[in-house]
PDB file of N, CA and C in Angstrom:
ATOM      1  N   MET A   1       0.818  -1.196   0.000  1.00  0.00           N
ATOM      2  CA  MET A   1       0.000  -0.001  -0.001  1.00  0.00           C
ATOM      3  C   MET A   1       0.859   1.263  -0.001  1.00  0.00           C
ATOM      4  N   SER A   2       2.169   1.114  -0.032  1.00  0.00           N
ATOM      5  CA  SER A   2       3.031   2.294  -0.001  1.00  0.00           C
ATOM      6  C   SER A   2       3.102   3.008  -1.349  1.00  0.00           C
ATOM      7  N   LEU A   3       2.475   2.459  -2.382  1.00  0.00           N
ATOM      8  CA  LEU A   3       2.597   3.028  -3.722  1.00  0.00           C
ATOM      9  C   LEU A   3       1.598   4.145  -4.003  1.00  0.00           C
ATOM     10  N   THR A   4       0.589   4.309  -3.168  1.00  0.00           N
ATOM     11  CA  THR A   4      -0.429   5.320  -3.424  1.00  0.00           C
ATOM     12  C   THR A   4      -0.484   6.314  -2.268  1.00  0.00           C
ATOM     13  N   GLY A   5      -1.047   7.477  -2.509  1.00  0.00           N
ATOM     14  CA  GLY A   5      -1.219   8.480  -1.455  1.00  0.00           C
ATOM     15  C   GLY A   5      -0.022   9.389  -1.306  1.00  0.00           C
ATOM     16  N   GLU A   6      -0.138  10.283  -0.350  1.00  0.00           N
ATOM     17  CA  GLU A   6       0.924  11.238  -0.055  1.00  0.00           C
ATOM     18  C   GLU A   6       1.919  10.614   0.921  1.00  0.00           C
ATOM     19  N   GLU A   7       3.155  11.075   0.905  1.00  0.00           N
ATOM     20  CA  GLU A   7       4.176  10.600   1.822  1.00  0.00           C
ATOM     21  C   GLU A   7       3.714  10.839   3.261  1.00  0.00           C
ATOM     22  N   GLY A   8       3.671   9.783   4.052  1.00  0.00           N
ATOM     23  CA  GLY A   8       3.252   9.883   5.437  1.00  0.00           C
ATOM     24  C   GLY A   8       1.742   9.888   5.639  1.00  0.00           C
ATOM     25  N   GLY A   9       0.986   9.897   4.542  1.00  0.00           N
ATOM     26  CA  GLY A   9      -0.471   9.924   4.636  1.00  0.00           C
ATOM     27  C   GLY A   9      -1.071   8.557   4.424  1.00  0.00           C
ATOM     28  N   LYS A  10      -2.379   8.523   4.373  1.00  0.00           N
ATOM     29  CA  LYS A  10      -3.102   7.274   4.150  1.00  0.00           C
ATOM     30  C   LYS A  10      -3.046   6.883   2.675  1.00  0.00           C
ATOM     31  N   PRO A  11      -3.142   5.578   2.373  1.00  0.00           N
ATOM     32  CA  PRO A  11      -3.234   5.156   0.979  1.00  0.00           C
ATOM     33  C   PRO A  11      -4.528   5.669   0.355  1.00  0.00           C
ATOM     34  N   VAL A  12      -4.526   5.878  -0.940  1.00  0.00           N
ATOM     35  CA  VAL A  12      -5.720   6.347  -1.649  1.00  0.00           C
ATOM     36  C   VAL A  12      -6.083   5.332  -2.726  1.00  0.00           C
ATOM     37  N   ARG A  13      -7.341   5.364  -3.112  1.00  0.00           N
ATOM     38  CA  ARG A  13      -7.806   4.485  -4.175  1.00  0.00           C
ATOM     39  C   ARG A  13      -7.449   5.075  -5.533  1.00  0.00           C
ATOM     40  N   ALA A  14      -7.231   4.191  -6.483  1.00  0.00           N
ATOM     41  CA  ALA A  14      -6.966   4.642  -7.857  1.00  0.00           C
ATOM     42  C   ALA A  14      -8.262   5.148  -8.484  1.00  0.00           C
ATOM     43  N   GLY A  15      -8.150   6.013  -9.454  1.00  0.00           N
ATOM     44  CA  GLY A  15      -9.324   6.575 -10.111  1.00  0.00           C
ATOM     45  C   GLY A  15     -10.038   5.590 -11.021  1.00  0.00           C
ATOM     46  N   ILE A  16      -9.347   4.530 -11.425  1.00  0.00           N
ATOM     47  CA  ILE A  16      -9.964   3.509 -12.271  1.00  0.00           C
ATOM     48  C   ILE A  16      -9.836   2.150 -11.594  1.00  0.00           C
ATOM     49  N   HIS A  17     -10.583   1.172 -12.057  1.00  0.00           N
ATOM     50  CA  HIS A  17     -10.537  -0.164 -11.466  1.00  0.00           C
ATOM     51  C   HIS A  17      -9.357  -0.917 -12.059  1.00  0.00           C
ATOM     52  N   LEU A  18      -8.210  -0.855 -11.400  1.00  0.00           N
ATOM     53  CA  LEU A  18      -6.969  -1.406 -11.931  1.00  0.00           C
ATOM     54  C   LEU A  18      -6.921  -2.929 -12.091  1.00  0.00           C
ATOM     55  N   PRO A  19      -7.549  -3.723 -11.230  1.00  0.00           N
ATOM     56  CA  PRO A  19      -7.415  -5.174 -11.442  1.00  0.00           C
ATOM     57  C   PRO A  19      -8.015  -5.667 -12.750  1.00  0.00           C
ATOM     58  N   ILE A  20      -8.908  -4.919 -13.361  1.00  0.00           N
ATOM     59  CA  ILE A  20      -9.560  -5.368 -14.587  1.00  0.00           C
ATOM     60  C   ILE A  20      -8.862  -4.836 -15.844  1.00  0.00           C
ATOM     61  N   SER A  21      -8.309  -3.648 -15.809  1.00  0.00           N
ATOM     62  CA  SER A  21      -7.763  -3.010 -17.013  1.00  0.00           C
ATOM     63  C   SER A  21      -6.628  -3.779 -17.695  1.00  0.00           C
ATOM     64  N   PRO A  22      -5.567  -4.205 -16.990  1.00  0.00           N
ATOM     65  CA  PRO A  22      -4.490  -4.935 -17.686  1.00  0.00           C
ATOM     66  C   PRO A  22      -4.944  -6.239 -18.325  1.00  0.00           C
ATOM     67  N   PRO A  23      -5.748  -7.067 -17.625  1.00  0.00           N
ATOM     68  CA  PRO A  23      -6.205  -8.283 -18.301  1.00  0.00           C
ATOM     69  C   PRO A  23      -7.080  -7.984 -19.520  1.00  0.00           C
ATOM     70  N   GLU A  24      -7.850  -6.907 -19.475  1.00  0.00           N
ATOM     71  CA  GLU A  24      -8.660  -6.530 -20.646  1.00  0.00           C
ATOM     72  C   GLU A  24      -7.768  -6.217 -21.832  1.00  0.00           C
ATOM     73  N   CYS A  25      -6.707  -5.468 -21.605  1.00  0.00           N
ATOM     74  CA  CYS A  25      -5.792  -5.115 -22.699  1.00  0.00           C
ATOM     75  C   CYS A  25      -5.102  -6.356 -23.256  1.00  0.00           C
ATOM     76  N   LEU A  26      -4.670  -7.258 -22.356  1.00  0.00           N
ATOM     77  CA  LEU A  26      -4.026  -8.478 -22.811  1.00  0.00           C
ATOM     78  C   LEU A  26      -5.008  -9.353 -23.585  1.00  0.00           C
ATOM     79  N   ALA A  27      -6.226  -9.484 -23.073  1.00  0.00           N
ATOM     80  CA  ALA A  27      -7.230 -10.307 -23.750  1.00  0.00           C
ATOM     81  C   ALA A  27      -7.548  -9.742 -25.133  1.00  0.00           C
ATOM     82  N   GLN A  28      -7.588  -8.418 -25.245  1.00  0.00           N
ATOM     83  CA  GLN A  28      -7.850  -7.804 -26.542  1.00  0.00           C
ATOM     84  C   GLN A  28      -6.739  -8.152 -27.534  1.00  0.00           C
ATOM     85  N   SER A  29      -5.501  -8.086 -27.091  1.00  0.00           N
ATOM     86  CA  SER A  29      -4.369  -8.423 -27.960  1.00  0.00           C
ATOM     87  C   SER A  29      -4.417  -9.892 -28.382  1.00  0.00           C
ATOM     88  N   VAL A  30      -4.752 -10.763 -27.433  1.00  0.00           N
ATOM     89  CA  VAL A  30      -4.821 -12.184 -27.727  1.00  0.00           C
ATOM     90  C   VAL A  30      -5.964 -12.480 -28.692  1.00  0.00           C
ATOM     91  N   CYS A  31      -7.078 -11.770 -28.546  1.00  0.00           N
ATOM     92  CA  CYS A  31      -8.200 -11.950 -29.478  1.00  0.00           C
ATOM     93  C   CYS A  31      -7.792 -11.576 -30.895  1.00  0.00           C
ATOM     94  N   PHE A  32      -7.063 -10.488 -31.031  1.00  0.00           N
ATOM     95  CA  PHE A  32      -6.611 -10.081 -32.364  1.00  0.00           C
ATOM     96  C   PHE A  32      -5.640 -11.112 -32.946  1.00  0.00           C
ATOM     97  N   ALA A  33      -4.768 -11.658 -32.099  1.00  0.00           N
ATOM     98  CA  ALA A  33      -3.851 -12.692 -32.561  1.00  0.00           C
ATOM     99  C   ALA A  33      -4.628 -13.939 -32.984  1.00  0.00           C
ATOM    100  N   GLY A  34      -5.679 -14.281 -32.225  1.00  0.00           N
ATOM    101  CA  GLY A  34      -6.517 -15.420 -32.585  1.00  0.00           C
ATOM    102  C   GLY A  34      -7.239 -15.207 -33.893  1.00  0.00           C
ATOM    103  N   LEU A  35      -7.733 -13.994 -34.132  1.00  0.00           N
ATOM    104  CA  LEU A  35      -8.393 -13.682 -35.402  1.00  0.00           C
ATOM    105  C   LEU A  35      -7.410 -13.779 -36.571  1.00  0.00           C
ATOM    106  N   ALA A  36      -6.169 -13.329 -36.334  1.00  0.00           N
ATOM    107  CA  ALA A  36      -5.152 -13.433 -37.391  1.00  0.00           C
ATOM    108  C   ALA A  36      -4.868 -14.904 -37.710  1.00  0.00           C
ATOM    109  N   LYS A  37      -4.853 -15.746 -36.674  1.00  0.00           N
ATOM    110  CA  LYS A  37      -4.617 -17.180 -36.913  1.00  0.00           C
ATOM    111  C   LYS A  37      -5.782 -17.790 -37.677  1.00  0.00           C
ATOM    112  N   VAL A  38      -7.007 -17.403 -37.337  1.00  0.00           N
ATOM    113  CA  VAL A  38      -8.176 -17.928 -38.053  1.00  0.00           C
ATOM    114  C   VAL A  38      -8.108 -17.523 -39.517  1.00  0.00           C
ATOM    115  N   ASN A  39      -7.762 -16.282 -39.787  1.00  0.00           N
ATOM    116  CA  ASN A  39      -7.659 -15.813 -41.173  1.00  0.00           C
ATOM    117  C   ASN A  39      -6.553 -16.533 -41.941  1.00  0.00           C
ATOM    118  N   ALA A  40      -5.448 -16.854 -41.241  1.00  0.00           N
ATOM    119  CA  ALA A  40      -4.319 -17.477 -41.921  1.00  0.00           C
ATOM    120  C   ALA A  40      -4.480 -18.979 -42.088  1.00  0.00           C
ATOM    121  N   THR A  41      -5.035 -19.657 -41.064  1.00  0.00           N
ATOM    122  CA  THR A  41      -5.066 -21.118 -41.101  1.00  0.00           C
ATOM    123  C   THR A  41      -6.471 -21.716 -41.115  1.00  0.00           C
ATOM    124  N   GLY A  42      -7.463 -20.921 -40.740  1.00  0.00           N
ATOM    125  CA  GLY A  42      -8.818 -21.446 -40.651  1.00  0.00           C
ATOM    126  C   GLY A  42      -9.106 -22.161 -39.341  1.00  0.00           C
ATOM    127  N   GLU A  43      -8.121 -22.250 -38.459  1.00  0.00           N
ATOM    128  CA  GLU A  43      -8.288 -22.919 -37.167  1.00  0.00           C
ATOM    129  C   GLU A  43      -8.492 -21.895 -36.055  1.00  0.00           C
ATOM    130  N   GLY A  44      -9.314 -22.255 -35.091  1.00  0.00           N
ATOM    131  CA  GLY A  44      -9.531 -21.399 -33.928  1.00  0.00           C
ATOM    132  C   GLY A  44      -8.477 -21.636 -32.854  1.00  0.00           C
ATOM    133  N   SER A  45      -8.567 -20.880 -31.795  1.00  0.00           N
ATOM    134  CA  SER A  45      -7.600 -21.002 -30.696  1.00  0.00           C
ATOM    135  C   SER A  45      -8.313 -20.903 -29.364  1.00  0.00           C
ATOM    136  N   TYR A  46      -7.688 -21.456 -28.333  1.00  0.00           N
ATOM    137  CA  TYR A  46      -8.153 -21.317 -26.964  1.00  0.00           C
ATOM    138  C   TYR A  46      -7.119 -20.461 -26.240  1.00  0.00           C
ATOM    139  N   PHE A  47      -7.587 -19.483 -25.473  1.00  0.00           N
ATOM    140  CA  PHE A  47      -6.646 -18.701 -24.686  1.00  0.00           C
ATOM    141  C   PHE A  47      -7.222 -18.447 -23.306  1.00  0.00           C
ATOM    142  N   ASP A  48      -6.319 -18.264 -22.350  1.00  0.00           N
ATOM    143  CA  ASP A  48      -6.672 -18.058 -20.957  1.00  0.00           C
ATOM    144  C   ASP A  48      -5.848 -16.877 -20.448  1.00  0.00           C
ATOM    145  N   VAL A  49      -6.498 -15.890 -19.861  1.00  0.00           N
ATOM    146  CA  VAL A  49      -5.810 -14.719 -19.346  1.00  0.00           C
ATOM    147  C   VAL A  49      -5.872 -14.751 -17.826  1.00  0.00           C
ATOM    148  N   SER A  50      -4.724 -14.776 -17.181  1.00  0.00           N
ATOM    149  CA  SER A  50      -4.638 -14.812 -15.725  1.00  0.00           C
ATOM    150  C   SER A  50      -4.614 -13.385 -15.176  1.00  0.00           C
ATOM    151  N   MET A  51      -5.618 -13.038 -14.387  1.00  0.00           N
ATOM    152  CA  MET A  51      -5.663 -11.699 -13.783  1.00  0.00           C
ATOM    153  C   MET A  51      -4.504 -11.493 -12.823  1.00  0.00           C
ATOM    154  N   MET A  52      -4.135 -12.536 -12.074  1.00  0.00           N
ATOM    155  CA  MET A  52      -3.019 -12.412 -11.121  1.00  0.00           C
ATOM    156  C   MET A  52      -1.711 -12.125 -11.849  1.00  0.00           C
ATOM    157  N   ASP A  53      -1.449 -12.845 -12.940  1.00  0.00           N
ATOM    158  CA  ASP A  53      -0.222 -12.614 -13.702  1.00  0.00           C
ATOM    159  C   ASP A  53      -0.161 -11.190 -14.231  1.00  0.00           C
ATOM    160  N   CYS A  54      -1.292 -10.673 -14.693  1.00  0.00           N
ATOM    161  CA  CYS A  54      -1.329  -9.311 -15.208  1.00  0.00           C
ATOM    162  C   CYS A  54      -1.043  -8.297 -14.104  1.00  0.00           C
ATOM    163  N   GLN A  55      -1.597  -8.522 -12.912  1.00  0.00           N
ATOM    164  CA  GLN A  55      -1.354  -7.611 -11.801  1.00  0.00           C
ATOM    165  C   GLN A  55       0.110  -7.625 -11.372  1.00  0.00           C
ATOM    166  N   ILE A  56       0.692  -8.811 -11.313  1.00  0.00           N
ATOM    167  CA  ILE A  56       2.093  -8.918 -10.921  1.00  0.00           C
ATOM    168  C   ILE A  56       2.992  -8.239 -11.950  1.00  0.00           C
ATOM    169  N   SER A  57       2.648  -8.370 -13.231  1.00  0.00           N
ATOM    170  CA  SER A  57       3.464  -7.755 -14.270  1.00  0.00           C
ATOM    171  C   SER A  57       3.444  -6.227 -14.175  1.00  0.00           C
ATOM    172  N   MET A  58       2.408  -5.658 -13.579  1.00  0.00           N
ATOM    173  CA  MET A  58       2.349  -4.204 -13.431  1.00  0.00           C
ATOM    174  C   MET A  58       3.295  -3.697 -12.334  1.00  0.00           C
ATOM    175  N   LEU A  59       3.807  -4.586 -11.494  1.00  0.00           N
ATOM    176  CA  LEU A  59       4.663  -4.175 -10.392  1.00  0.00           C
ATOM    177  C   LEU A  59       6.147  -4.429 -10.642  1.00  0.00           C
ATOM    178  N   THR A  60       6.522  -4.714 -11.886  1.00  0.00           N
ATOM    179  CA  THR A  60       7.921  -5.042 -12.166  1.00  0.00           C
ATOM    180  C   THR A  60       8.857  -3.865 -11.881  1.00  0.00           C
ATOM    181  N   TYR A  61       8.448  -2.644 -12.189  1.00  0.00           N
ATOM    182  CA  TYR A  61       9.316  -1.487 -11.926  1.00  0.00           C
ATOM    183  C   TYR A  61       9.525  -1.311 -10.424  1.00  0.00           C
ATOM    184  N   GLN A  62       8.441  -1.416  -9.640  1.00  0.00           N
ATOM    185  CA  GLN A  62       8.550  -1.259  -8.196  1.00  0.00           C
ATOM    186  C   GLN A  62       9.379  -2.383  -7.585  1.00  0.00           C
ATOM    187  N   ALA A  63       9.241  -3.605  -8.109  1.00  0.00           N
ATOM    188  CA  ALA A  63      10.034  -4.725  -7.613  1.00  0.00           C
ATOM    189  C   ALA A  63      11.515  -4.507  -7.900  1.00  0.00           C
ATOM    190  N   ALA A  64      11.837  -4.042  -9.092  1.00  0.00           N
ATOM    191  CA  ALA A  64      13.231  -3.779  -9.444  1.00  0.00           C
ATOM    192  C   ALA A  64      13.812  -2.675  -8.558  1.00  0.00           C
ATOM    193  N   TYR A  65      13.031  -1.644  -8.284  1.00  0.00           N
ATOM    194  CA  TYR A  65      13.486  -0.561  -7.411  1.00  0.00           C
ATOM    195  C   TYR A  65      13.826  -1.112  -6.031  1.00  0.00           C
ATOM    196  N   TYR A  66      12.953  -1.956  -5.487  1.00  0.00           N
ATOM    197  CA  TYR A  66      13.191  -2.548  -4.171  1.00  0.00           C
ATOM    198  C   TYR A  66      14.408  -3.467  -4.181  1.00  0.00           C
ATOM    199  N   LEU A  67      14.530  -4.303  -5.199  1.00  0.00           N
ATOM    200  CA  LEU A  67      15.644  -5.246  -5.261  1.00  0.00           C
ATOM    201  C   LEU A  67      16.985  -4.555  -5.453  1.00  0.00           C
ATOM    202  N   MET A  68      16.998  -3.418  -6.151  1.00  0.00           N
ATOM    203  CA  MET A  68      18.254  -2.709  -6.397  1.00  0.00           C
ATOM    204  C   MET A  68      18.653  -1.801  -5.230  1.00  0.00           C
ATOM    205  N   SER A  69      17.654  -1.174  -4.570  1.00  0.00           N
ATOM    206  CA  SER A  69      17.971  -0.199  -3.529  1.00  0.00           C
ATOM    207  C   SER A  69      17.731  -0.708  -2.112  1.00  0.00           C
ATOM    208  N   GLY A  70      16.860  -1.701  -1.964  1.00  0.00           N
ATOM    209  CA  GLY A  70      16.511  -2.186  -0.635  1.00  0.00           C
ATOM    210  C   GLY A  70      15.458  -1.335   0.051  1.00  0.00           C
ATOM    211  N   GLU A  71      15.007  -0.264  -0.598  1.00  0.00           N
ATOM    212  CA  GLU A  71      13.979   0.611  -0.037  1.00  0.00           C
ATOM    213  C   GLU A  71      12.612   0.210  -0.557  1.00  0.00           C
ATOM    214  N   VAL A  72      11.614   0.323   0.328  1.00  0.00           N
ATOM    215  CA  VAL A  72      10.247   0.018  -0.086  1.00  0.00           C
ATOM    216  C   VAL A  72       9.757   1.163  -0.953  1.00  0.00           C
ATOM    217  N   PRO A  73       9.290   0.910  -2.191  1.00  0.00           N
ATOM    218  CA  PRO A  73       8.813   1.989  -3.049  1.00  0.00           C
ATOM    219  C   PRO A  73       7.587   2.665  -2.449  1.00  0.00           C
ATOM    220  N   GLY A  74       7.509   3.950  -2.637  1.00  0.00           N
ATOM    221  CA  GLY A  74       6.368   4.700  -2.122  1.00  0.00           C
ATOM    222  C   GLY A  74       5.918   5.757  -3.091  1.00  0.00           C
ATOM    223  N   ALA A  75       4.864   6.457  -2.735  1.00  0.00           N
ATOM    224  CA  ALA A  75       4.287   7.471  -3.609  1.00  0.00           C
ATOM    225  C   ALA A  75       5.247   8.626  -3.845  1.00  0.00           C
ATOM    226  N   ALA A  76       6.108   8.947  -2.879  1.00  0.00           N
ATOM    227  CA  ALA A  76       7.025  10.083  -3.028  1.00  0.00           C
ATOM    228  C   ALA A  76       8.371   9.670  -3.622  1.00  0.00           C
ATOM    229  N   ARG A  77       8.558   8.420  -3.912  1.00  0.00           N
ATOM    230  CA  ARG A  77       9.814   7.940  -4.480  1.00  0.00           C
ATOM    231  C   ARG A  77       9.866   8.259  -5.974  1.00  0.00           C
ATOM    232  N   PRO A  78      11.054   8.214  -6.571  1.00  0.00           N
ATOM    233  CA  PRO A  78      11.154   8.499  -8.020  1.00  0.00           C
ATOM    234  C   PRO A  78      10.318   7.545  -8.864  1.00  0.00           C
ATOM    235  N   ARG A  79       9.752   8.068  -9.933  1.00  0.00           N
ATOM    236  CA  ARG A  79       8.942   7.260 -10.838  1.00  0.00           C
ATOM    237  C   ARG A  79       9.398   7.459 -12.278  1.00  0.00           C
ATOM    238  N   VAL A  80       9.045   6.515 -13.114  1.00  0.00           N
ATOM    239  CA  VAL A  80       9.382   6.625 -14.533  1.00  0.00           C
ATOM    240  C   VAL A  80       8.485   7.643 -15.210  1.00  0.00           C
ATOM    241  N   THR A  81       7.229   7.751 -14.768  1.00  0.00           N
ATOM    242  CA  THR A  81       6.241   8.557 -15.453  1.00  0.00           C
ATOM    243  C   THR A  81       6.306  10.043 -15.171  1.00  0.00           C
ATOM    244  N   GLY A  82       7.167  10.468 -14.267  1.00  0.00           N
ATOM    245  CA  GLY A  82       7.280  11.894 -13.980  1.00  0.00           C
ATOM    246  C   GLY A  82       6.761  12.250 -12.609  1.00  0.00           C
ATOM    247  N   PRO A  83       6.551  13.534 -12.361  1.00  0.00           N
ATOM    248  CA  PRO A  83       6.164  13.994 -11.018  1.00  0.00           C
ATOM    249  C   PRO A  83       4.787  13.552 -10.610  1.00  0.00           C
TER     250      PRO A  83
END
């Protein structure tokens, strides 16, 4: 919970429903890949999108920060996206 909110303050909720957005984007990409396969080969595909895997993949930058510095990432810590 150290990734949201002000330094020293309470955590805050995100403005959008984050657990659903990444799997939706991945599922959309996989659907397009499946359609391309159908057009190319005439065969369908089965795909499975793991919500947990998508959520974990969103934390790779914060995990790398912790593993390299030993500090717990927080809202006031440096970010890739800017201030």
